[in-house]
Structure formats: structure tokens, C-alpha cells
Amino acid sequence: TANNILVQVGKFLDLNSRKQDVVSYWGKERFLLLLPDTELDGGTILIEKLCKKVEAREFSHSNQAIHITMSFRIGAYDGETMTIEDCIQEADECLL
């Protein structure tokens, strides 16, 4: 099922993120990555690396190899003038 692939992708993202990062499933085939103490440029670099790693990775479904690609949206939480919801909305408007 698609859920099996989502579990594999989630684990892969978690294993390929930094120790301080948090990977969670956000629903509707989406993941949310929290990148503490990371500027927007640093987050963009990390996300681009993850995209390449996911694309190069072979996932498995019903004993068949599956290659996938991912797109990410990114936003920077400033901790002062915005809420977490504002940050997520900003990310929704910025597709990488």
C-alpha cells in the first residue's frame, strides 16, 4: 500500500537528517521537517540534498523496486513576529 512507502520514506528522511532535526508525517502524503537553529539558506541546502538522496534511493513495494521524487516547501520561523501556523503557510507558498 501507499502507507508502506510513506513509512519507508519517513524513516529514510529521519535517517538522513541531522540529529537535531525532527521529521514527522503531516498527512496527505506530506512530511513536516523542523530544522532548529537553521537559516533559510541552510535549510534549502539540506532539503536539496534530501531530494537527491530520495531520488537515488530504491524503495520497495510488493517486492518491486520503486523510485520516487519529492518536492519540498520551506519557510523560516523567526520566533518573534510569526506563529508556527504563519511559518507553515509561508512554506506552503514556497515550493522547492
Protein backbone atom coordinates (compact mmCIF):
# COMPACT_ATOMS: atom_id res chain seq x y z
CA THR A 1 0.00 0.00 0.00
CA ALA A 2 0.96 3.64 -0.24
CA ASN A 3 1.25 3.67 3.56
CA ASN A 4 4.16 1.23 3.34
CA ILE A 5 6.02 3.61 1.02
CA LEU A 6 5.24 6.56 3.31
CA VAL A 7 6.69 4.66 6.28
CA GLN A 8 9.83 3.85 4.28
CA VAL A 9 10.20 7.46 3.15
CA GLY A 10 9.66 8.79 6.67
CA LYS A 11 12.34 6.50 8.08
CA PHE A 12 14.69 7.42 5.24
CA LEU A 13 14.18 11.15 5.83
CA ASP A 14 14.77 10.66 9.54
CA LEU A 15 17.96 8.66 8.99
CA ASN A 16 19.28 11.23 6.52
CA SER A 17 18.50 14.31 8.60
CA ARG A 18 20.65 15.78 11.33
CA LYS A 19 20.31 14.74 14.97
CA GLN A 20 18.56 17.97 15.93
CA ASP A 21 16.02 17.78 13.08
CA VAL A 22 12.52 16.42 13.59
CA VAL A 23 10.72 14.52 10.83
CA SER A 24 7.01 13.89 11.12
CA TYR A 25 4.17 12.80 8.89
CA TRP A 26 1.90 15.78 8.14
CA GLY A 27 -0.91 13.96 6.34
CA LYS A 28 -2.00 13.56 2.72
CA GLU A 29 1.42 12.20 1.68
CA ARG A 30 3.22 15.15 3.28
CA PHE A 31 6.00 15.34 5.82
CA LEU A 32 6.99 18.18 8.10
CA LEU A 33 10.67 18.69 8.87
CA LEU A 34 11.62 21.00 11.71
CA LEU A 35 15.20 22.23 11.36
CA PRO A 36 16.14 24.01 14.60
CA ASP A 37 18.75 26.76 14.53
CA THR A 38 18.85 26.68 10.73
CA GLU A 39 18.71 29.73 8.49
CA LEU A 40 16.62 29.61 5.32
CA ASP A 41 19.71 29.12 3.11
CA GLY A 42 20.96 26.24 5.25
CA GLY A 43 17.53 24.64 5.19
CA THR A 44 17.41 24.94 1.41
CA ILE A 45 20.79 23.21 1.09
CA LEU A 46 19.69 20.38 3.39
CA ILE A 47 16.40 19.91 1.52
CA GLU A 48 18.17 19.82 -1.85
CA LYS A 49 20.47 17.09 -0.52
CA LEU A 50 17.50 15.12 0.77
CA CYS A 51 15.77 15.40 -2.62
CA LYS A 52 18.83 13.93 -4.36
CA LYS A 53 19.15 11.13 -1.80
CA VAL A 54 15.47 10.21 -2.09
CA GLU A 55 15.68 10.21 -5.89
CA ALA A 56 18.73 7.93 -5.80
CA ARG A 57 17.15 5.56 -3.26
CA GLU A 58 15.29 2.44 -4.27
CA PHE A 59 12.16 1.84 -2.22
CA SER A 60 10.21 -1.39 -2.26
CA HIS A 61 6.52 -2.12 -2.72
CA SER A 62 5.14 -5.64 -3.25
CA ASN A 63 8.66 -6.87 -3.98
CA GLN A 64 9.10 -4.31 -6.74
CA ALA A 65 11.67 -1.53 -6.79
CA ILE A 66 10.16 1.93 -6.82
CA HIS A 67 11.95 5.20 -7.43
CA ILE A 68 10.29 8.38 -6.24
CA THR A 69 10.97 12.07 -6.25
CA MET A 70 9.94 14.61 -3.65
CA SER A 71 9.29 18.31 -3.64
CA PHE A 72 9.55 20.44 -0.56
CA ARG A 73 8.22 23.75 0.60
CA ILE A 74 10.30 25.74 3.04
CA GLY A 75 9.66 28.55 5.48
CA ALA A 76 11.69 30.18 8.23
CA TYR A 77 10.23 30.67 11.70
CA ASP A 78 11.63 33.81 13.29
CA GLY A 79 10.30 33.10 16.77
CA GLU A 80 9.21 36.68 17.24
CA THR A 81 6.75 38.09 14.72
CA MET A 82 5.10 34.93 13.43
CA THR A 83 3.28 31.89 14.69
CA ILE A 84 4.06 28.32 13.71
CA GLU A 85 0.93 28.47 11.53
CA ASP A 86 2.36 31.54 9.76
CA CYS A 87 5.57 29.64 9.10
CA ILE A 88 3.71 26.65 7.66
CA GLN A 89 1.63 28.96 5.47
CA GLU A 90 4.84 30.62 4.25
CA ALA A 91 6.25 27.20 3.40
CA ASP A 92 3.05 26.28 1.55
CA GLU A 93 3.62 29.30 -0.70
CA CYS A 94 7.25 28.46 -1.49
CA LEU A 95 7.75 25.21 -3.41
CA LEU A 96 11.33 23.93 -3.86
